[in-house]
Amino acid sequence: MKTTGRNFENEFVFKSSRSGGKGGQNVNKVETKIELNFDIANSQILNEDEKKRIQSKLNKRTDKNGILRIISQSERSQYMNRLKAQKRFYELIENALKKDKVRKKTKPTESSKEKRITSKKLISGKKVMRKISDKDFSD
């Protein structure tokens, strides 16, 4: 569960609360919902470039203070929800730190241009055939 060999678990802040959903009467008395909070800006493990990249890619998942918040409440036990939240955190961080592929500009091939024009002519021909001519109503 460690992205690029790094362990962020010392920087996690966990909060638990009562969860909705499955669990029967357990839902009303046990705090199984887990909220994992990670302060991106004050992380000792990430360098400045990584912090900026994570902040920009995960900006919808962070609050105004730059805290990444992950909530897990699908399992019936607090421990399982905790593991799920950690797994999700590492997946998000790994995806955010991936470098985007540079798009290479390409030109359409001659055959693809020809195919496009042929299909346009076919569609145009269908539309011409659908038109009602004035001769049909001139009686």
N, C-alpha and C. Protein backbone atom coordinates (compact mmCIF):
# COMPACT_ATOMS: atom_id res chain seq x y z
N MET A 1 0.81 -1.21 0.00
CA MET A 1 0.00 0.00 0.00
C MET A 1 0.84 1.26 0.00
N LYS A 2 2.12 1.15 -0.23
CA LYS A 2 2.99 2.32 -0.18
C LYS A 2 3.32 2.73 -1.60
N THR A 3 3.08 3.99 -1.90
CA THR A 3 3.38 4.49 -3.23
C THR A 3 4.86 4.85 -3.31
N THR A 4 5.51 4.38 -4.33
CA THR A 4 6.93 4.60 -4.58
C THR A 4 7.78 4.37 -3.32
N GLY A 5 7.41 3.38 -2.53
CA GLY A 5 8.20 3.01 -1.36
C GLY A 5 8.11 3.97 -0.19
N ARG A 6 7.15 4.88 -0.21
CA ARG A 6 7.02 5.85 0.88
C ARG A 6 5.85 5.49 1.77
N ASN A 7 6.01 5.75 3.06
CA ASN A 7 4.97 5.44 4.03
C ASN A 7 4.44 6.76 4.61
N PHE A 8 3.20 7.08 4.29
CA PHE A 8 2.59 8.33 4.72
C PHE A 8 1.81 8.18 6.03
N GLU A 9 1.76 6.98 6.58
CA GLU A 9 0.85 6.69 7.69
C GLU A 9 1.10 7.55 8.93
N ASN A 10 2.32 8.04 9.13
CA ASN A 10 2.59 8.92 10.27
C ASN A 10 1.93 10.29 10.11
N GLU A 11 1.57 10.64 8.87
CA GLU A 11 0.97 11.95 8.60
C GLU A 11 -0.54 11.89 8.46
N PHE A 12 -1.12 10.70 8.60
CA PHE A 12 -2.58 10.56 8.53
C PHE A 12 -3.21 11.02 9.84
N VAL A 13 -4.37 11.65 9.72
CA VAL A 13 -5.19 11.96 10.90
C VAL A 13 -6.53 11.28 10.65
N PHE A 14 -6.89 10.37 11.54
CA PHE A 14 -8.15 9.63 11.38
C PHE A 14 -9.20 10.18 12.32
N LYS A 15 -10.43 10.26 11.82
CA LYS A 15 -11.59 10.60 12.64
C LYS A 15 -12.62 9.51 12.40
N SER A 16 -13.32 9.12 13.46
CA SER A 16 -14.36 8.11 13.29
C SER A 16 -15.69 8.69 13.74
N SER A 17 -16.75 8.18 13.12
CA SER A 17 -18.10 8.60 13.50
C SER A 17 -19.06 7.48 13.14
N ARG A 18 -20.29 7.64 13.56
CA ARG A 18 -21.29 6.62 13.24
C ARG A 18 -21.62 6.66 11.76
N SER A 19 -21.77 5.49 11.22
CA SER A 19 -21.97 5.37 9.79
C SER A 19 -23.41 4.99 9.47
N GLY A 20 -23.86 5.40 8.31
CA GLY A 20 -25.15 4.94 7.82
C GLY A 20 -24.94 3.62 7.10
N GLY A 21 -25.95 3.10 6.50
CA GLY A 21 -25.79 1.90 5.69
C GLY A 21 -25.91 0.62 6.48
N LYS A 22 -25.38 -0.46 5.91
CA LYS A 22 -25.57 -1.79 6.48
C LYS A 22 -24.85 -1.93 7.82
N GLY A 23 -25.31 -2.86 8.60
CA GLY A 23 -24.71 -3.09 9.91
C GLY A 23 -25.74 -3.35 10.97
N GLY A 24 -27.00 -3.22 10.63
CA GLY A 24 -28.08 -3.50 11.58
C GLY A 24 -28.02 -2.58 12.78
N GLN A 25 -28.23 -3.12 13.97
CA GLN A 25 -28.22 -2.31 15.18
C GLN A 25 -26.81 -1.79 15.48
N ASN A 26 -25.83 -2.45 14.91
CA ASN A 26 -24.44 -2.02 15.09
C ASN A 26 -24.24 -0.57 14.64
N VAL A 27 -25.00 -0.16 13.60
CA VAL A 27 -24.88 1.19 13.04
C VAL A 27 -25.14 2.25 14.10
N ASN A 28 -26.08 1.98 15.00
CA ASN A 28 -26.48 2.97 15.98
C ASN A 28 -25.53 3.13 17.15
N LYS A 29 -24.63 2.18 17.35
CA LYS A 29 -23.80 2.26 18.55
C LYS A 29 -22.30 2.22 18.32
N VAL A 30 -21.84 1.83 17.14
CA VAL A 30 -20.41 1.71 16.90
C VAL A 30 -19.98 2.71 15.82
N GLU A 31 -18.86 3.38 16.07
CA GLU A 31 -18.35 4.36 15.10
C GLU A 31 -17.48 3.65 14.07
N THR A 32 -18.08 3.28 12.95
CA THR A 32 -17.34 2.54 11.93
C THR A 32 -16.92 3.41 10.75
N LYS A 33 -17.53 4.56 10.58
CA LYS A 33 -17.18 5.46 9.48
C LYS A 33 -15.81 6.09 9.77
N ILE A 34 -14.93 6.05 8.79
CA ILE A 34 -13.58 6.58 8.96
C ILE A 34 -13.37 7.73 7.98
N GLU A 35 -12.78 8.79 8.48
CA GLU A 35 -12.40 9.94 7.66
C GLU A 35 -10.89 10.09 7.78
N LEU A 36 -10.20 9.91 6.67
CA LEU A 36 -8.75 10.06 6.63
C LEU A 36 -8.43 11.47 6.16
N ASN A 37 -7.68 12.22 6.96
CA ASN A 37 -7.26 13.57 6.59
C ASN A 37 -5.76 13.60 6.40
N PHE A 38 -5.33 14.24 5.32
CA PHE A 38 -3.90 14.35 5.01
C PHE A 38 -3.60 15.79 4.61
N ASP A 39 -2.73 16.43 5.37
CA ASP A 39 -2.36 17.83 5.10
C ASP A 39 -1.25 17.83 4.06
N ILE A 40 -1.60 18.17 2.83
CA ILE A 40 -0.66 18.13 1.71
C ILE A 40 0.45 19.16 1.89
N ALA A 41 0.08 20.38 2.26
CA ALA A 41 1.05 21.47 2.35
C ALA A 41 2.10 21.24 3.43
N ASN A 42 1.74 20.60 4.53
CA ASN A 42 2.69 20.40 5.64
C ASN A 42 3.31 19.01 5.66
N SER A 43 3.22 18.28 4.56
CA SER A 43 3.79 16.94 4.50
C SER A 43 5.31 17.02 4.47
N GLN A 44 5.94 16.19 5.27
CA GLN A 44 7.41 16.13 5.32
C GLN A 44 7.95 15.18 4.24
N ILE A 45 7.11 14.31 3.73
CA ILE A 45 7.55 13.28 2.80
C ILE A 45 7.57 13.78 1.35
N LEU A 46 6.62 14.64 1.01
CA LEU A 46 6.50 15.13 -0.36
C LEU A 46 7.39 16.35 -0.58
N ASN A 47 7.98 16.46 -1.78
CA ASN A 47 8.72 17.68 -2.11
C ASN A 47 7.76 18.72 -2.69
N GLU A 48 8.22 19.92 -2.91
CA GLU A 48 7.36 21.03 -3.34
C GLU A 48 6.68 20.76 -4.68
N ASP A 49 7.40 20.18 -5.61
CA ASP A 49 6.84 19.88 -6.93
C ASP A 49 5.69 18.88 -6.81
N GLU A 50 5.90 17.85 -6.00
CA GLU A 50 4.86 16.83 -5.79
C GLU A 50 3.64 17.43 -5.09
N LYS A 51 3.87 18.31 -4.13
CA LYS A 51 2.76 18.97 -3.42
C LYS A 51 1.91 19.77 -4.39
N LYS A 52 2.56 20.52 -5.28
CA LYS A 52 1.83 21.34 -6.26
C LYS A 52 1.01 20.46 -7.21
N ARG A 53 1.66 19.37 -7.67
CA ARG A 53 0.99 18.46 -8.59
C ARG A 53 -0.24 17.82 -7.95
N ILE A 54 -0.08 17.33 -6.72
CA ILE A 54 -1.19 16.69 -6.01
C ILE A 54 -2.30 17.71 -5.75
N GLN A 55 -1.91 18.91 -5.34
CA GLN A 55 -2.89 19.97 -5.05
C GLN A 55 -3.71 20.30 -6.30
N SER A 56 -3.04 20.38 -7.45
CA SER A 56 -3.76 20.75 -8.67
C SER A 56 -4.64 19.61 -9.18
N LYS A 57 -4.13 18.37 -9.11
CA LYS A 57 -4.91 17.24 -9.65
C LYS A 57 -6.03 16.81 -8.72
N LEU A 58 -5.86 17.00 -7.41
CA LEU A 58 -6.88 16.57 -6.44
C LEU A 58 -7.58 17.76 -5.80
N ASN A 59 -7.65 18.88 -6.51
CA ASN A 59 -8.22 20.09 -5.90
C ASN A 59 -9.70 19.96 -5.54
N LYS A 60 -10.43 19.06 -6.20
CA LYS A 60 -11.84 18.88 -5.86
C LYS A 60 -12.02 18.02 -4.61
N ARG A 61 -10.97 17.31 -4.22
CA ARG A 61 -11.04 16.45 -3.04
C ARG A 61 -10.43 17.12 -1.81
N THR A 62 -9.87 18.31 -1.99
CA THR A 62 -9.25 19.01 -0.86
C THR A 62 -10.12 20.18 -0.43
N ASP A 63 -9.97 20.58 0.84
CA ASP A 63 -10.72 21.75 1.31
C ASP A 63 -9.86 23.00 1.12
N LYS A 64 -10.35 24.15 1.59
CA LYS A 64 -9.65 25.42 1.37
C LYS A 64 -8.31 25.49 2.11
N ASN A 65 -8.11 24.63 3.12
CA ASN A 65 -6.85 24.61 3.86
C ASN A 65 -5.84 23.63 3.26
N GLY A 66 -6.19 22.97 2.17
CA GLY A 66 -5.28 22.04 1.51
C GLY A 66 -5.24 20.67 2.16
N ILE A 67 -6.32 20.29 2.84
CA ILE A 67 -6.38 18.98 3.50
C ILE A 67 -7.15 18.03 2.60
N LEU A 68 -6.49 16.93 2.25
CA LEU A 68 -7.12 15.88 1.44
C LEU A 68 -7.95 15.02 2.38
N ARG A 69 -9.24 14.87 2.05
CA ARG A 69 -10.17 14.14 2.92
C ARG A 69 -10.74 12.94 2.16
N ILE A 70 -10.57 11.76 2.75
CA ILE A 70 -11.10 10.52 2.16
C ILE A 70 -12.00 9.87 3.20
N ILE A 71 -13.23 9.56 2.81
CA ILE A 71 -14.20 8.96 3.73
C ILE A 71 -14.52 7.55 3.28
N SER A 72 -14.53 6.63 4.24
CA SER A 72 -14.89 5.24 3.95
C SER A 72 -15.89 4.77 4.99
N GLN A 73 -17.03 4.27 4.52
CA GLN A 73 -18.06 3.79 5.44
C GLN A 73 -18.80 2.58 4.89
N SER A 74 -18.22 1.92 3.89
CA SER A 74 -18.92 0.81 3.24
C SER A 74 -18.84 -0.49 4.03
N GLU A 75 -17.82 -0.63 4.86
CA GLU A 75 -17.65 -1.88 5.62
C GLU A 75 -18.29 -1.78 6.99
N ARG A 76 -18.49 -2.94 7.63
CA ARG A 76 -19.12 -2.96 8.95
C ARG A 76 -18.14 -2.75 10.09
N SER A 77 -16.84 -2.88 9.79
CA SER A 77 -15.86 -2.69 10.87
C SER A 77 -15.01 -1.44 10.60
N GLN A 78 -14.62 -0.80 11.67
CA GLN A 78 -13.80 0.40 11.59
C GLN A 78 -12.45 0.07 10.95
N TYR A 79 -11.89 -1.06 11.33
CA TYR A 79 -10.58 -1.48 10.82
C TYR A 79 -10.62 -1.63 9.29
N MET A 80 -11.65 -2.30 8.77
CA MET A 80 -11.75 -2.50 7.32
C MET A 80 -11.93 -1.17 6.59
N ASN A 81 -12.73 -0.27 7.17
CA ASN A 81 -12.91 1.05 6.56
C ASN A 81 -11.60 1.83 6.57
N ARG A 82 -10.83 1.66 7.62
CA ARG A 82 -9.52 2.32 7.73
C ARG A 82 -8.58 1.83 6.63
N LEU A 83 -8.56 0.51 6.43
CA LEU A 83 -7.72 -0.06 5.37
C LEU A 83 -8.17 0.42 3.99
N LYS A 84 -9.48 0.46 3.79
CA LYS A 84 -10.03 0.93 2.51
C LYS A 84 -9.65 2.38 2.24
N ALA A 85 -9.73 3.22 3.26
CA ALA A 85 -9.39 4.63 3.11
C ALA A 85 -7.91 4.79 2.78
N GLN A 86 -7.06 4.01 3.44
CA GLN A 86 -5.62 4.09 3.16
C GLN A 86 -5.31 3.62 1.75
N LYS A 87 -5.97 2.55 1.34
CA LYS A 87 -5.76 2.03 -0.02
C LYS A 87 -6.17 3.08 -1.04
N ARG A 88 -7.30 3.71 -0.83
CA ARG A 88 -7.80 4.76 -1.74
C ARG A 88 -6.83 5.94 -1.78
N PHE A 89 -6.29 6.31 -0.61
CA PHE A 89 -5.33 7.41 -0.53
C PHE A 89 -4.12 7.11 -1.42
N TYR A 90 -3.54 5.92 -1.26
CA TYR A 90 -2.35 5.58 -2.04
C TYR A 90 -2.65 5.53 -3.54
N GLU A 91 -3.84 5.07 -3.92
CA GLU A 91 -4.24 5.06 -5.33
C GLU A 91 -4.32 6.49 -5.87
N LEU A 92 -4.96 7.37 -5.10
CA LEU A 92 -5.10 8.77 -5.53
C LEU A 92 -3.75 9.45 -5.69
N ILE A 93 -2.88 9.25 -4.71
CA ILE A 93 -1.56 9.88 -4.75
C ILE A 93 -0.75 9.35 -5.92
N GLU A 94 -0.80 8.04 -6.13
CA GLU A 94 -0.05 7.44 -7.24
C GLU A 94 -0.53 7.99 -8.58
N ASN A 95 -1.85 8.10 -8.76
CA ASN A 95 -2.39 8.63 -10.01
C ASN A 95 -2.06 10.11 -10.17
N ALA A 96 -2.07 10.86 -9.08
CA ALA A 96 -1.78 12.29 -9.16
C ALA A 96 -0.31 12.54 -9.50
N LEU A 97 0.57 11.66 -9.06
CA LEU A 97 2.00 11.85 -9.30
C LEU A 97 2.47 11.32 -10.65
N LYS A 98 1.59 10.60 -11.37
CA LYS A 98 1.96 10.11 -12.70
C LYS A 98 2.14 11.29 -13.64
N LYS A 99 3.17 11.23 -14.44
CA LYS A 99 3.39 12.28 -15.43
C LYS A 99 2.45 12.06 -16.61
N ASP A 100 1.84 13.13 -17.09
CA ASP A 100 0.94 13.04 -18.24
C ASP A 100 1.76 12.81 -19.51
N LYS A 101 1.20 11.98 -20.40
CA LYS A 101 1.87 11.76 -21.67
C LYS A 101 1.73 13.02 -22.52
N VAL A 102 2.80 13.35 -23.23
CA VAL A 102 2.77 14.51 -24.11
C VAL A 102 2.08 14.11 -25.40
N ARG A 103 1.10 14.90 -25.80
CA ARG A 103 0.36 14.58 -27.02
C ARG A 103 1.17 15.00 -28.23
N LYS A 104 1.33 14.06 -29.15
CA LYS A 104 2.05 14.35 -30.38
C LYS A 104 1.02 14.67 -31.45
N LYS A 105 1.24 15.79 -32.13
CA LYS A 105 0.32 16.16 -33.20
C LYS A 105 0.50 15.21 -34.38
N THR A 106 -0.61 14.78 -34.97
CA THR A 106 -0.54 13.91 -36.14
C THR A 106 -1.44 14.49 -37.23
N LYS A 107 -1.11 14.16 -38.46
CA LYS A 107 -1.93 14.59 -39.59
C LYS A 107 -2.75 13.41 -40.06
N PRO A 108 -3.99 13.67 -40.52
CA PRO A 108 -4.80 12.56 -41.03
C PRO A 108 -4.19 11.98 -42.31
N THR A 109 -4.32 10.67 -42.48
CA THR A 109 -3.77 10.02 -43.67
C THR A 109 -4.67 10.30 -44.87
N GLU A 110 -4.14 10.05 -46.05
CA GLU A 110 -4.90 10.27 -47.29
C GLU A 110 -6.16 9.40 -47.30
N SER A 111 -6.02 8.13 -46.88
CA SER A 111 -7.17 7.23 -46.92
C SER A 111 -8.25 7.68 -45.93
N SER A 112 -7.86 8.21 -44.77
CA SER A 112 -8.86 8.66 -43.81
C SER A 112 -9.58 9.90 -44.32
N LYS A 113 -8.85 10.79 -45.01
CA LYS A 113 -9.50 11.97 -45.63
C LYS A 113 -10.52 11.53 -46.67
N GLU A 114 -10.10 10.55 -47.50
CA GLU A 114 -10.96 10.04 -48.56
C GLU A 114 -12.23 9.41 -47.98
N LYS A 115 -12.04 8.62 -46.92
CA LYS A 115 -13.16 7.94 -46.26
C LYS A 115 -14.15 8.97 -45.70
N ARG A 116 -13.63 10.03 -45.09
CA ARG A 116 -14.47 11.07 -44.50
C ARG A 116 -15.30 11.77 -45.59
N ILE A 117 -14.67 12.11 -46.69
CA ILE A 117 -15.37 12.80 -47.79
C ILE A 117 -16.41 11.88 -48.41
N THR A 118 -16.09 10.60 -48.57
CA THR A 118 -17.04 9.64 -49.15
C THR A 118 -18.28 9.52 -48.27
N SER A 119 -18.07 9.43 -46.95
CA SER A 119 -19.22 9.30 -46.06
C SER A 119 -20.06 10.58 -46.06
N LYS A 120 -19.39 11.73 -46.16
CA LYS A 120 -20.14 13.00 -46.22
C LYS A 120 -21.01 13.05 -47.49
N LYS A 121 -20.47 12.56 -48.60
CA LYS A 121 -21.22 12.56 -49.86
C LYS A 121 -22.42 11.62 -49.78
N LEU A 122 -22.24 10.47 -49.11
CA LEU A 122 -23.35 9.52 -48.94
C LEU A 122 -24.48 10.15 -48.13
N ILE A 123 -24.12 10.78 -47.02
CA ILE A 123 -25.13 11.42 -46.16
C ILE A 123 -25.81 12.56 -46.89
N SER A 124 -25.03 13.34 -47.64
CA SER A 124 -25.58 14.44 -48.42
C SER A 124 -26.58 13.92 -49.46
N GLY A 125 -26.21 12.81 -50.11
CA GLY A 125 -27.10 12.19 -51.10
C GLY A 125 -28.41 11.75 -50.50
N LYS A 126 -28.37 11.16 -49.29
CA LYS A 126 -29.60 10.73 -48.60
C LYS A 126 -30.50 11.93 -48.34
N LYS A 127 -29.90 13.03 -47.92
CA LYS A 127 -30.70 14.21 -47.59
C LYS A 127 -31.33 14.83 -48.84
N VAL A 128 -30.62 14.78 -49.94
CA VAL A 128 -31.15 15.29 -51.21
C VAL A 128 -32.35 14.46 -51.63
N MET A 129 -32.26 13.13 -51.44
CA MET A 129 -33.36 12.24 -51.81
C MET A 129 -34.60 12.46 -50.94
N ARG A 130 -34.38 12.91 -49.70
CA ARG A 130 -35.50 13.14 -48.79
C ARG A 130 -36.28 14.40 -49.10
N LYS A 131 -35.64 15.36 -49.77
CA LYS A 131 -36.30 16.63 -50.04
C LYS A 131 -37.54 16.42 -50.91
N ILE A 132 -38.55 17.17 -50.57
CA ILE A 132 -39.78 17.10 -51.36
C ILE A 132 -39.67 18.15 -52.46
N SER A 133 -39.80 17.71 -53.70
CA SER A 133 -39.65 18.67 -54.79
C SER A 133 -40.96 19.42 -55.01
N ASP A 134 -40.87 20.61 -55.59
CA ASP A 134 -42.04 21.46 -55.85
C ASP A 134 -42.92 20.87 -56.93
N LYS A 135 -42.39 19.98 -57.78
CA LYS A 135 -43.14 19.37 -58.87
C LYS A 135 -44.26 18.47 -58.33
N ASP A 136 -44.03 17.86 -57.14
CA ASP A 136 -45.02 16.94 -56.57
C ASP A 136 -46.30 17.65 -56.18
N PHE A 137 -46.24 18.95 -55.87
CA PHE A 137 -47.41 19.69 -55.40
C PHE A 137 -47.94 20.71 -56.42
N SER A 138 -47.47 20.68 -57.63
CA SER A 138 -47.85 21.69 -58.61
C SER A 138 -49.13 21.33 -59.36
N ASP A 139 -49.87 20.36 -58.96
CA ASP A 139 -51.10 19.96 -59.67
C ASP A 139 -52.15 20.99 -59.63
